[in-house]
Amino acid sequence: MRVAVAVTPKSGKDAVMGWVVDANGERELSVKVTAAPEKGKATKAVCKLLAAFFDVPKSSVECVRGDLSRHKMIEIPISQEQLEEAVAQL
């Protein structure tokens, strides 16, 4: 499933924070990573963090839009129900 993600790079910790609403009123998953936003480091860190968070292989998590943006679309092999359950436990 594709998940909209709002990324905060160069944060003090790597963490999935929960749902936030963007300027258009759309829901995004807020993710903080310590990696800098250069040469794809932050995007790779986001994919690695989400793979661990949802307990799926790193190779199965992919950024499909927004490689150079703080607002990304990430493909994760989970169901909507699994997504909601995992985020609700934060």
C-alpha atoms as a PDB file:
ATOM      1  CA  MET A   1       0.000   0.000   0.000  1.00  0.00           C
ATOM      2  CA  ARG A   2       1.154   3.555  -0.610  1.00  0.00           C
ATOM      3  CA  VAL A   3       1.559   5.758   2.435  1.00  0.00           C
ATOM      4  CA  ALA A   4       2.045   9.541   2.397  1.00  0.00           C
ATOM      5  CA  VAL A   5       4.961  10.405   4.676  1.00  0.00           C
ATOM      6  CA  ALA A   6       6.109  13.763   6.080  1.00  0.00           C
ATOM      7  CA  VAL A   7       9.835  13.580   6.841  1.00  0.00           C
ATOM      8  CA  THR A   8      11.852  15.624   9.326  1.00  0.00           C
ATOM      9  CA  PRO A   9      15.541  15.079   8.460  1.00  0.00           C
ATOM     10  CA  LYS A  10      18.479  15.870  10.773  1.00  0.00           C
ATOM     11  CA  SER A  11      16.321  15.115  13.805  1.00  0.00           C
ATOM     12  CA  GLY A  12      17.669  14.062  17.180  1.00  0.00           C
ATOM     13  CA  LYS A  13      16.315  10.539  16.740  1.00  0.00           C
ATOM     14  CA  ASP A  14      14.844   8.095  14.230  1.00  0.00           C
ATOM     15  CA  ALA A  15      11.150   7.678  15.017  1.00  0.00           C
ATOM     16  CA  VAL A  16       7.684   7.205  13.576  1.00  0.00           C
ATOM     17  CA  MET A  17       5.621   9.915  15.270  1.00  0.00           C
ATOM     18  CA  GLY A  18       2.048   9.277  14.105  1.00  0.00           C
ATOM     19  CA  TRP A  19      -0.456  10.982  11.853  1.00  0.00           C
ATOM     20  CA  VAL A  20      -0.304  14.672  10.909  1.00  0.00           C
ATOM     21  CA  VAL A  21      -2.500  16.685   8.532  1.00  0.00           C
ATOM     22  CA  ASP A  22      -0.781  18.583   5.707  1.00  0.00           C
ATOM     23  CA  ALA A  23      -1.722  21.995   4.280  1.00  0.00           C
ATOM     24  CA  ASN A  24      -4.248  20.357   1.927  1.00  0.00           C
ATOM     25  CA  GLY A  25      -6.006  18.526   4.750  1.00  0.00           C
ATOM     26  CA  GLU A  26      -4.482  15.168   3.753  1.00  0.00           C
ATOM     27  CA  ARG A  27      -3.220  12.742   6.387  1.00  0.00           C
ATOM     28  CA  GLU A  28       0.499  11.895   6.377  1.00  0.00           C
ATOM     29  CA  LEU A  29       2.616   9.674   8.580  1.00  0.00           C
ATOM     30  CA  SER A  30       5.171  11.840  10.401  1.00  0.00           C
ATOM     31  CA  VAL A  31       8.664  10.326  10.441  1.00  0.00           C
ATOM     32  CA  LYS A  32      11.852  11.773  11.951  1.00  0.00           C
ATOM     33  CA  VAL A  33      15.318  10.615  10.888  1.00  0.00           C
ATOM     34  CA  THR A  34      18.802  11.644  11.971  1.00  0.00           C
ATOM     35  CA  ALA A  35      20.138  11.419   8.400  1.00  0.00           C
ATOM     36  CA  ALA A  36      20.800  14.604   6.458  1.00  0.00           C
ATOM     37  CA  PRO A  37      18.729  15.351   3.347  1.00  0.00           C
ATOM     38  CA  GLU A  38      21.626  14.880   0.945  1.00  0.00           C
ATOM     39  CA  LYS A  39      22.279  12.286  -1.755  1.00  0.00           C
ATOM     40  CA  GLY A  40      19.202  10.283  -0.741  1.00  0.00           C
ATOM     41  CA  LYS A  41      20.447   9.537   2.776  1.00  0.00           C
ATOM     42  CA  ALA A  42      17.246  10.696   4.471  1.00  0.00           C
ATOM     43  CA  THR A  43      15.053   8.751   2.027  1.00  0.00           C
ATOM     44  CA  LYS A  44      17.057   5.571   2.641  1.00  0.00           C
ATOM     45  CA  ALA A  45      16.803   6.131   6.397  1.00  0.00           C
ATOM     46  CA  VAL A  46      13.020   6.577   6.131  1.00  0.00           C
ATOM     47  CA  CYS A  47      12.637   3.325   4.171  1.00  0.00           C
ATOM     48  CA  LYS A  48      14.835   1.447   6.652  1.00  0.00           C
ATOM     49  CA  LEU A  49      12.920   2.860   9.636  1.00  0.00           C
ATOM     50  CA  LEU A  50       9.508   2.047   8.138  1.00  0.00           C
ATOM     51  CA  ALA A  51      10.638  -1.488   7.267  1.00  0.00           C
ATOM     52  CA  ALA A  52      11.621  -2.050  10.897  1.00  0.00           C
ATOM     53  CA  PHE A  53       8.466  -0.352  12.218  1.00  0.00           C
ATOM     54  CA  PHE A  54       6.128  -2.492  10.100  1.00  0.00           C
ATOM     55  CA  ASP A  55       8.332  -5.613  10.376  1.00  0.00           C
ATOM     56  CA  VAL A  56       8.808  -6.101   6.636  1.00  0.00           C
ATOM     57  CA  PRO A  57      12.018  -6.631   4.612  1.00  0.00           C
ATOM     58  CA  LYS A  58      13.959  -3.434   3.835  1.00  0.00           C
ATOM     59  CA  SER A  59      14.042  -4.378   0.174  1.00  0.00           C
ATOM     60  CA  SER A  60      10.230  -4.329   0.006  1.00  0.00           C
ATOM     61  CA  VAL A  61       9.879  -0.674   1.112  1.00  0.00           C
ATOM     62  CA  GLU A  62      10.282   1.811  -1.726  1.00  0.00           C
ATOM     63  CA  CYS A  63       9.974   5.558  -2.224  1.00  0.00           C
ATOM     64  CA  VAL A  64       7.722   5.974  -5.264  1.00  0.00           C
ATOM     65  CA  ARG A  65       7.452   9.785  -5.167  1.00  0.00           C
ATOM     66  CA  GLY A  66       9.291  12.633  -3.497  1.00  0.00           C
ATOM     67  CA  ASP A  67      12.885  11.385  -3.335  1.00  0.00           C
ATOM     68  CA  LEU A  68      14.108  14.962  -2.889  1.00  0.00           C
ATOM     69  CA  SER A  69      11.120  16.249  -0.931  1.00  0.00           C
ATOM     70  CA  ARG A  70      10.080  16.185   2.716  1.00  0.00           C
ATOM     71  CA  HIS A  71       6.715  14.880   1.538  1.00  0.00           C
ATOM     72  CA  LYS A  72       7.099  11.373   0.129  1.00  0.00           C
ATOM     73  CA  MET A  73       4.924   8.526  -1.075  1.00  0.00           C
ATOM     74  CA  ILE A  74       6.278   5.236   0.245  1.00  0.00           C
ATOM     75  CA  GLU A  75       5.193   1.787  -0.962  1.00  0.00           C
ATOM     76  CA  ILE A  76       4.979  -0.686   1.954  1.00  0.00           C
ATOM     77  CA  PRO A  77       3.711  -4.289   1.603  1.00  0.00           C
ATOM     78  CA  ILE A  78       1.035  -4.074   4.314  1.00  0.00           C
ATOM     79  CA  SER A  79      -2.742  -3.742   4.429  1.00  0.00           C
ATOM     80  CA  GLN A  80      -4.656  -0.633   5.495  1.00  0.00           C
ATOM     81  CA  GLU A  81      -5.655  -2.500   8.658  1.00  0.00           C
ATOM     82  CA  GLN A  82      -2.031  -3.339   9.520  1.00  0.00           C
ATOM     83  CA  LEU A  83      -1.062   0.292   8.951  1.00  0.00           C
ATOM     84  CA  GLU A  84      -3.794   1.642  11.211  1.00  0.00           C
ATOM     85  CA  GLU A  85      -3.071  -0.907  13.963  1.00  0.00           C
ATOM     86  CA  ALA A  86       0.658  -0.191  14.015  1.00  0.00           C
ATOM     87  CA  VAL A  87       0.233   3.592  14.091  1.00  0.00           C
ATOM     88  CA  ALA A  88      -2.503   3.380  16.747  1.00  0.00           C
ATOM     89  CA  GLN A  89      -0.022   1.685  19.089  1.00  0.00           C
ATOM     90  CA  LEU A  90       2.288   4.725  19.116  1.00  0.00           C
END
